[in-house]
Amino acid sequence: MAKNYVKVSANVADTVRPTVAGAERHPVLHALRTVAARVTFPLLPDDYLQLANPLWSARELRGRVVGVRRETVDSATLVIKPGWGFSFDYEPGQYIGIGVLVEGRWRWRSYSLTSSPVAAKKTITITVKAMPEGFLSTHLVSGVAPGTIVRLAAPQGNFVMPDPAPPKVLFLTGGSGITPVMSMLRTLVRRDQITDIVHLHSAPTESDVLFATELEKLGAAHAGYSLRLRATRKQGRLDLSRLADEVPDWQDRQTWACGPEGMLDEAARVWDAAGVGSRLHLERFAVSKGQVHGQGGTVEFARSGKSVTVDAATPLMEAGEQVGIRMPFGCRMGICQSCVVGLLDGHVRDLRSGVEHEPGSRVQTCISAASGDCVLDV
């Protein structure tokens, strides 16, 4: 059974000059930029190019928000035009990191792409649902204006739809879990691969269904697509132990499921019990953290000479960002290993497991916090 986790972002440490995205596809342009970098040292070409076009950057992927489209009362689709270096060869179902400057601080989250890579390669879309505990999601839905420049991380993730698609597919989605599946559906339409698809989607009410009009039109235009909506406030949650009542041949279908953690956990149990776990593909939007212990401490960043005092719940990555240290990172959830740095002195604790790491270890800064004073090789 494939278990996949969202969400990611990508960046690099200030102490390391990153490989330019897209260099292998534009060797001549990359050579010119390399020469420019030497001529303009100690500044980078970006420092000058930004004056002409803020989307031109060799250090990071950037994009401009060119449209914000309301989907429901608490959700919106952002249309983004990526800058130089972005590759449109992502796979339907993947996600992308987005960094937004809010109150003087770059805040990063990752969201599933809802656009299709088969579409015109000019813009991408993400669809965001404002969450009560989600500062950035609320800002993206209500506070981002067209023209805003954002930072981007390259698309990634293994929750993808293959080409060609399986002959029989089941989509099991709940709430905003429909977003990666929307990219898949839009791609299948463009590839003319809507063959035999059953889509079970749950939302609190009918007005909470993302892409409701588009899904309705999809069902009307393609006999092979069957959408079954469930308003959970009236009908209750779908009982997956009785899935055969809804989809008699569910065990024969390749299934992509994304939604609330409880739904995915139940799906994993049901598919495993039926001996068809290999046909279930899961996308999880969160990784839980364990109970926080300790008192925090002062985190010193050896290469920069900077330091900051934080509590025991603040990840080392966020501690660095508080004092302007752009540390390497990928998923910011303890999955991709992109944020690993050396621990020179002191102790840090894994926020998920509580395991304490000693000097000489290499630690994941996105899910580790100070357990007393410590020194990082950054």
Protein backbone atom coordinates (compact mmCIF):
# COMPACT_ATOMS: atom_id res chain seq x y z
CA MET A 1 0.00 0.00 0.00
CA ALA A 2 1.34 3.38 -0.96
CA LYS A 3 1.19 5.96 1.81
CA ASN A 4 2.05 9.48 0.79
CA TYR A 5 2.27 12.64 2.80
CA VAL A 6 1.82 16.29 1.83
CA LYS A 7 3.07 19.09 1.84
CA VAL A 8 6.41 20.44 0.82
CA SER A 9 8.46 23.48 0.01
CA ALA A 10 12.03 23.79 -1.20
CA ASN A 11 14.83 26.19 -0.52
CA VAL A 12 18.55 26.18 0.18
CA ALA A 13 20.87 27.54 2.82
CA ASP A 14 22.40 30.97 2.30
CA THR A 15 25.82 29.37 2.71
CA VAL A 16 25.42 27.20 -0.40
CA ARG A 17 24.82 28.54 -3.89
CA PRO A 18 22.01 26.36 -5.30
CA THR A 19 21.90 24.66 -8.66
CA VAL A 20 19.88 26.82 -11.00
CA ALA A 21 16.48 25.33 -11.76
CA GLY A 22 16.11 24.62 -15.47
CA ALA A 23 19.82 24.99 -16.23
CA GLU A 24 20.00 21.69 -18.10
CA ARG A 25 17.14 22.75 -20.37
CA HIS A 26 18.60 26.22 -21.10
CA PRO A 27 22.41 25.72 -21.27
CA VAL A 28 23.14 28.92 -23.21
CA LEU A 29 21.07 31.11 -20.90
CA HIS A 30 22.61 29.40 -17.88
CA ALA A 31 26.13 30.10 -19.22
CA LEU A 32 25.29 33.78 -19.65
CA ARG A 33 23.92 33.95 -16.11
CA THR A 34 27.09 32.31 -14.79
CA VAL A 35 29.24 34.95 -16.47
CA ALA A 36 26.92 37.67 -15.14
CA ALA A 37 27.29 36.26 -11.64
CA ARG A 38 31.07 36.69 -11.83
CA VAL A 39 30.86 40.19 -13.26
CA THR A 40 28.35 41.42 -10.68
CA PHE A 41 29.98 39.76 -7.65
CA PRO A 42 29.38 40.19 -4.69
CA LEU A 43 25.82 40.77 -5.83
CA LEU A 44 24.00 38.12 -7.86
CA PRO A 45 22.40 38.78 -11.25
CA ASP A 46 19.08 38.42 -9.45
CA ASP A 47 19.74 41.63 -7.56
CA TYR A 48 19.68 43.46 -10.88
CA LEU A 49 17.18 41.30 -12.77
CA GLN A 50 14.57 41.84 -10.08
CA LEU A 51 14.51 45.48 -11.03
CA ALA A 52 13.35 44.50 -14.53
CA ASN A 53 11.16 41.52 -13.67
CA PRO A 54 10.68 40.07 -10.15
CA LEU A 55 9.99 36.62 -11.66
CA TRP A 56 13.56 36.33 -12.98
CA SER A 57 15.63 34.48 -10.41
CA ALA A 58 18.39 31.89 -10.45
CA ARG A 59 18.30 31.41 -6.70
CA GLU A 60 14.69 30.37 -6.28
CA LEU A 61 11.48 29.68 -8.11
CA ARG A 62 9.03 32.55 -8.08
CA GLY A 63 5.55 33.20 -9.33
CA ARG A 64 3.00 35.97 -9.62
CA VAL A 65 -0.61 35.57 -8.49
CA VAL A 66 -2.61 36.58 -11.57
CA GLY A 67 -6.05 35.67 -10.28
CA VAL A 68 -7.99 34.66 -7.18
CA ARG A 69 -11.25 32.82 -7.79
CA ARG A 70 -13.65 32.09 -4.94
CA GLU A 71 -14.81 28.46 -4.88
CA THR A 72 -16.90 28.32 -1.68
CA VAL A 73 -17.43 30.64 1.28
CA ASP A 74 -14.11 29.58 2.81
CA SER A 75 -12.03 28.47 -0.16
CA ALA A 76 -10.45 29.99 -3.24
CA THR A 77 -8.37 29.03 -6.25
CA LEU A 78 -5.15 30.95 -6.84
CA VAL A 79 -3.97 31.21 -10.43
CA ILE A 80 -0.19 31.60 -10.47
CA LYS A 81 2.15 32.40 -13.34
CA PRO A 82 5.51 30.78 -12.52
CA GLY A 83 8.74 32.55 -13.36
CA TRP A 84 11.95 31.36 -15.02
CA GLY A 85 13.04 27.81 -14.21
CA PHE A 86 9.64 26.31 -13.43
CA SER A 87 8.96 22.99 -15.16
CA PHE A 88 5.43 22.20 -16.25
CA ASP A 89 6.10 18.46 -16.52
CA TYR A 90 4.63 17.72 -13.09
CA GLU A 91 2.30 14.76 -12.62
CA PRO A 92 -1.41 15.09 -11.82
CA GLY A 93 -1.83 14.69 -8.07
CA GLN A 94 1.46 16.30 -7.04
CA TYR A 95 1.79 19.27 -4.73
CA ILE A 96 3.79 22.48 -4.67
CA GLY A 97 5.27 24.65 -1.94
CA ILE A 98 4.35 28.31 -1.81
CA GLY A 99 5.98 31.03 0.25
CA VAL A 100 4.15 34.29 0.90
CA LEU A 101 5.54 37.40 2.57
CA VAL A 102 3.17 38.24 5.43
CA GLU A 103 3.97 40.92 8.00
CA GLY A 104 7.64 40.89 7.04
CA ARG A 105 8.06 37.12 7.29
CA TRP A 106 8.03 34.46 4.59
CA ARG A 107 5.48 31.82 5.52
CA TRP A 108 5.55 28.50 3.72
CA ARG A 109 2.94 25.83 3.17
CA SER A 110 2.34 23.30 0.45
CA TYR A 111 -0.84 22.66 -1.49
CA SER A 112 -1.96 20.19 -4.11
CA LEU A 113 -1.90 21.45 -7.66
CA THR A 114 -5.42 21.52 -9.07
CA SER A 115 -4.31 22.41 -12.59
CA SER A 116 -3.45 19.84 -15.25
CA PRO A 117 0.08 19.52 -16.65
CA VAL A 118 -1.54 18.76 -20.00
CA ALA A 119 -3.14 22.21 -20.11
CA ALA A 120 -1.56 25.32 -21.65
CA LYS A 121 1.80 25.73 -19.94
CA LYS A 122 1.47 29.29 -18.72
CA THR A 123 -0.15 29.11 -15.30
CA ILE A 124 -0.74 26.69 -12.44
CA THR A 125 -3.50 26.65 -9.84
CA ILE A 126 -3.83 25.68 -6.21
CA THR A 127 -7.10 25.62 -4.34
CA VAL A 128 -6.95 26.55 -0.66
CA LYS A 129 -9.52 26.06 2.09
CA ALA A 130 -9.21 28.47 5.00
CA MET A 131 -8.65 26.54 8.22
CA PRO A 132 -9.33 27.96 11.72
CA GLU A 133 -5.79 27.10 12.82
CA GLY A 134 -4.22 27.96 9.48
CA PHE A 135 -2.87 31.50 9.38
CA LEU A 136 -1.51 31.23 5.85
CA SER A 137 -4.53 29.43 4.41
CA THR A 138 -6.81 32.19 5.70
CA HIS A 139 -4.51 34.81 4.22
CA LEU A 140 -4.40 33.08 0.85
CA VAL A 141 -8.18 32.82 0.67
CA SER A 142 -8.96 36.35 1.84
CA GLY A 143 -5.84 38.48 1.73
CA VAL A 144 -3.82 37.78 -1.41
CA ALA A 145 -4.27 40.27 -4.22
CA PRO A 146 -3.51 39.64 -7.90
CA GLY A 147 0.02 40.80 -8.65
CA THR A 148 1.49 39.38 -5.43
CA ILE A 149 4.92 37.78 -5.93
CA VAL A 150 5.31 34.41 -4.20
CA ARG A 151 8.13 31.92 -3.82
CA LEU A 152 7.59 28.44 -5.18
CA ALA A 153 9.02 24.99 -4.57
CA ALA A 154 9.22 22.44 -7.37
CA PRO A 155 6.22 20.08 -7.65
CA GLN A 156 6.69 16.69 -6.04
CA GLY A 157 4.84 13.79 -4.44
CA ASN A 158 4.00 10.18 -5.22
CA PHE A 159 0.21 10.46 -5.05
CA VAL A 160 -0.11 10.56 -8.82
CA MET A 161 -2.24 9.23 -11.65
CA PRO A 162 -0.27 7.11 -14.15
CA ASP A 163 -0.54 7.44 -17.90
CA PRO A 164 -2.42 5.56 -19.17
CA ALA A 165 -4.87 5.44 -16.30
CA PRO A 166 -6.11 2.12 -14.90
CA PRO A 167 -9.27 0.86 -16.60
CA LYS A 168 -11.28 1.02 -13.35
CA VAL A 169 -10.74 3.78 -10.79
CA LEU A 170 -12.26 4.74 -7.45
CA PHE A 171 -11.72 8.22 -6.02
CA LEU A 172 -12.48 8.52 -2.32
CA THR A 173 -12.27 12.15 -1.16
CA GLY A 174 -13.43 14.32 1.68
CA GLY A 175 -13.44 18.11 2.02
CA SER A 176 -10.34 19.73 0.55
CA GLY A 177 -8.97 16.24 -0.10
CA ILE A 178 -10.56 16.59 -3.51
CA THR A 179 -7.84 19.00 -4.66
CA PRO A 180 -5.19 16.53 -5.93
CA VAL A 181 -7.93 14.41 -7.50
CA MET A 182 -9.16 17.48 -9.38
CA SER A 183 -5.82 17.69 -11.16
CA MET A 184 -6.17 14.01 -12.03
CA LEU A 185 -9.71 14.42 -13.36
CA ARG A 186 -8.80 17.44 -15.48
CA THR A 187 -5.87 15.53 -16.91
CA LEU A 188 -7.94 12.43 -17.64
CA VAL A 189 -10.44 14.57 -19.53
CA ARG A 190 -7.70 16.08 -21.68
CA ARG A 191 -6.20 12.65 -22.33
CA ASP A 192 -9.64 11.21 -23.14
CA GLN A 193 -9.18 8.57 -20.42
CA ILE A 194 -12.49 8.88 -18.57
CA THR A 195 -13.35 5.17 -18.80
CA ASP A 196 -14.86 3.74 -15.62
CA ILE A 197 -14.49 6.10 -12.66
CA VAL A 198 -16.54 6.13 -9.46
CA HIS A 199 -16.00 9.16 -7.25
CA LEU A 200 -17.27 9.20 -3.66
CA HIS A 201 -16.94 12.66 -2.16
CA SER A 202 -17.99 13.87 1.29
CA ALA A 203 -18.47 17.43 2.51
CA PRO A 204 -20.39 18.93 5.44
CA THR A 205 -23.08 20.40 3.16
CA GLU A 206 -23.70 20.63 -0.58
CA SER A 207 -22.55 24.26 -0.54
CA ASP A 208 -19.17 23.12 0.81
CA VAL A 209 -18.39 20.96 -2.22
CA LEU A 210 -15.37 22.32 -4.07
CA PHE A 211 -15.66 22.44 -7.87
CA ALA A 212 -19.33 21.42 -7.65
CA THR A 213 -20.36 22.94 -10.99
CA GLU A 214 -17.37 21.51 -12.85
CA LEU A 215 -17.94 18.04 -11.39
CA GLU A 216 -21.60 18.16 -12.38
CA LYS A 217 -20.66 19.08 -15.95
CA LEU A 218 -18.04 16.34 -16.00
CA GLY A 219 -20.65 13.74 -15.08
CA ALA A 220 -23.05 15.04 -17.73
CA ALA A 221 -20.40 14.94 -20.45
CA HIS A 222 -18.83 11.57 -19.62
CA ALA A 223 -20.86 8.43 -19.02
CA GLY A 224 -17.78 6.78 -17.50
CA TYR A 225 -17.65 9.24 -14.58
CA SER A 226 -20.04 8.65 -11.69
CA LEU A 227 -20.03 11.21 -8.85
CA ARG A 228 -21.77 10.43 -5.57
CA LEU A 229 -21.88 13.25 -3.06
CA ARG A 230 -22.49 12.81 0.64
CA ALA A 231 -23.51 15.72 2.88
CA THR A 232 -22.18 14.47 6.19
CA ARG A 233 -24.20 16.83 8.41
CA LYS A 234 -27.39 15.26 7.11
CA GLN A 235 -26.30 11.78 6.05
CA GLY A 236 -23.42 11.11 8.41
CA ARG A 237 -20.01 9.84 7.44
CA LEU A 238 -19.52 7.11 4.88
CA ASP A 239 -19.10 3.70 6.53
CA LEU A 240 -16.29 2.10 4.58
CA SER A 241 -17.03 -1.31 6.09
CA ARG A 242 -20.19 -1.17 3.95
CA LEU A 243 -18.45 0.17 0.87
CA ALA A 244 -19.78 -2.69 -1.26
CA ASP A 245 -23.25 -1.16 -0.90
CA GLU A 246 -21.99 1.89 -2.80
CA VAL A 247 -19.39 0.30 -5.07
CA PRO A 248 -19.87 -3.47 -5.41
CA ASP A 249 -16.60 -3.97 -7.30
CA TRP A 250 -14.45 -1.66 -5.13
CA GLN A 251 -11.85 -4.39 -4.55
CA ASP A 252 -11.16 -4.56 -8.29
CA ARG A 253 -10.48 -0.83 -8.62
CA GLN A 254 -7.31 1.16 -8.17
CA THR A 255 -8.27 3.66 -5.47
CA TRP A 256 -6.93 7.12 -4.72
CA ALA A 257 -8.06 8.45 -1.33
CA CYS A 258 -7.46 11.87 0.21
CA GLY A 259 -9.28 13.55 3.05
CA PRO A 260 -9.61 13.59 6.84
CA GLU A 261 -7.16 11.46 8.80
CA GLY A 262 -9.91 9.28 10.26
CA MET A 263 -11.27 8.42 6.83
CA LEU A 264 -7.82 7.47 5.55
CA ASP A 265 -7.04 5.34 8.60
CA GLU A 266 -10.33 3.50 8.15
CA ALA A 267 -9.64 3.00 4.45
CA ALA A 268 -6.23 1.51 5.22
CA ARG A 269 -7.80 -0.97 7.63
CA VAL A 270 -10.59 -1.97 5.23
CA TRP A 271 -8.32 -2.43 2.21
CA ASP A 272 -5.72 -4.37 4.22
CA ALA A 273 -8.40 -6.62 5.72
CA ALA A 274 -9.64 -7.40 2.21
CA GLY A 275 -6.12 -8.22 1.05
CA VAL A 276 -6.08 -5.45 -1.56
CA GLY A 277 -3.94 -2.87 0.24
CA SER A 278 -1.66 -2.53 -2.80
CA ARG A 279 -4.57 -1.00 -4.72
CA LEU A 280 -5.04 1.84 -2.25
CA HIS A 281 -3.08 5.07 -2.70
CA LEU A 282 -3.29 7.53 0.21
CA GLU A 283 -2.47 11.21 0.50
CA ARG A 284 -2.22 12.63 4.00
CA PHE A 285 -2.19 16.37 4.63
CA ALA A 286 -0.65 16.28 8.12
CA VAL A 287 1.79 14.45 10.32
CA SER A 288 1.01 14.50 14.02
CA LYS A 289 3.58 15.61 16.57
CA GLY A 290 4.07 14.04 19.92
CA GLN A 291 3.83 15.70 23.30
CA VAL A 292 6.33 18.51 23.75
CA HIS A 293 8.87 18.11 26.53
CA GLY A 294 11.68 20.27 27.84
CA GLN A 295 12.25 23.98 28.22
CA GLY A 296 13.78 24.99 24.90
CA GLY A 297 17.00 26.98 24.88
CA THR A 298 19.31 29.19 22.84
CA VAL A 299 19.96 27.97 19.32
CA GLU A 300 23.27 29.15 17.85
CA PHE A 301 23.92 29.05 14.12
CA ALA A 302 27.67 28.52 13.90
CA ARG A 303 28.39 29.71 10.36
CA SER A 304 26.38 32.90 10.61
CA GLY A 305 27.20 33.77 14.20
CA LYS A 306 23.54 34.39 14.94
CA SER A 307 21.50 32.95 17.80
CA VAL A 308 17.95 32.97 19.10
CA THR A 309 16.22 31.76 22.26
CA VAL A 310 13.10 29.68 21.67
CA ASP A 311 10.72 27.44 23.55
CA ALA A 312 10.57 23.65 23.33
CA ALA A 313 7.79 23.67 20.73
CA THR A 314 9.53 25.81 18.09
CA PRO A 315 11.19 23.80 15.31
CA LEU A 316 14.83 24.65 14.70
CA MET A 317 13.97 25.68 11.16
CA GLU A 318 11.50 28.30 12.38
CA ALA A 319 14.02 29.42 14.97
CA GLY A 320 16.50 30.11 12.19
CA GLU A 321 13.96 31.97 10.11
CA GLN A 322 13.26 34.27 13.05
CA VAL A 323 16.80 35.63 12.75
CA GLY A 324 17.04 35.58 8.98
CA ILE A 325 18.71 32.19 8.51
CA ARG A 326 17.38 30.55 5.37
CA MET A 327 18.00 26.92 6.17
CA PRO A 328 17.67 24.07 3.66
CA PHE A 329 14.25 22.46 3.62
CA GLY A 330 11.86 20.40 1.59
CA CYS A 331 8.59 19.15 3.04
CA ARG A 332 8.82 20.89 6.45
CA MET A 333 7.12 17.79 7.86
CA GLY A 334 10.00 15.40 8.60
CA ILE A 335 9.58 13.28 5.50
CA CYS A 336 11.94 14.31 2.72
CA GLN A 337 15.23 14.68 4.69
CA SER A 338 16.11 17.89 2.82
CA CYS A 339 16.51 19.92 6.02
CA VAL A 340 19.13 17.73 7.73
CA VAL A 341 22.05 19.65 9.27
CA GLY A 342 24.80 18.82 11.74
CA LEU A 343 24.35 19.27 15.49
CA LEU A 344 27.70 20.56 16.76
CA ASP A 345 26.86 20.92 20.42
CA GLY A 346 23.96 20.52 22.84
CA HIS A 347 20.83 18.43 22.43
CA VAL A 348 17.69 18.63 20.33
CA ARG A 349 14.48 16.65 20.54
CA ASP A 350 12.35 15.12 17.77
CA LEU A 351 8.90 16.73 18.15
CA ARG A 352 7.14 13.62 16.85
CA SER A 353 8.81 10.83 18.80
CA GLY A 354 10.47 12.66 21.69
CA VAL A 355 13.83 11.07 20.82
CA GLU A 356 16.75 13.26 21.91
CA HIS A 357 19.75 13.71 19.61
CA GLU A 358 23.30 14.25 20.86
CA PRO A 359 26.24 16.29 19.50
CA GLY A 360 27.63 14.83 16.29
CA SER A 361 24.21 13.83 15.05
CA ARG A 362 22.56 15.08 11.89
CA VAL A 363 19.08 16.32 12.70
CA GLN A 364 15.95 17.28 10.81
CA THR A 365 15.42 20.93 11.62
CA CYS A 366 11.77 21.04 10.57
CA ILE A 367 10.64 18.55 13.23
CA SER A 368 13.33 19.02 15.90
CA ALA A 369 13.43 21.58 18.72
CA ALA A 370 16.01 22.75 21.21
CA SER A 371 16.37 20.65 24.34
CA GLY A 372 18.57 23.13 26.13
CA ASP A 373 21.20 25.27 24.41
CA CYS A 374 22.50 23.90 21.12
CA VAL A 375 24.72 24.78 18.17
CA LEU A 376 23.86 23.96 14.54
CA ASP A 377 26.27 23.75 11.61
CA VAL A 378 24.46 26.41 9.59
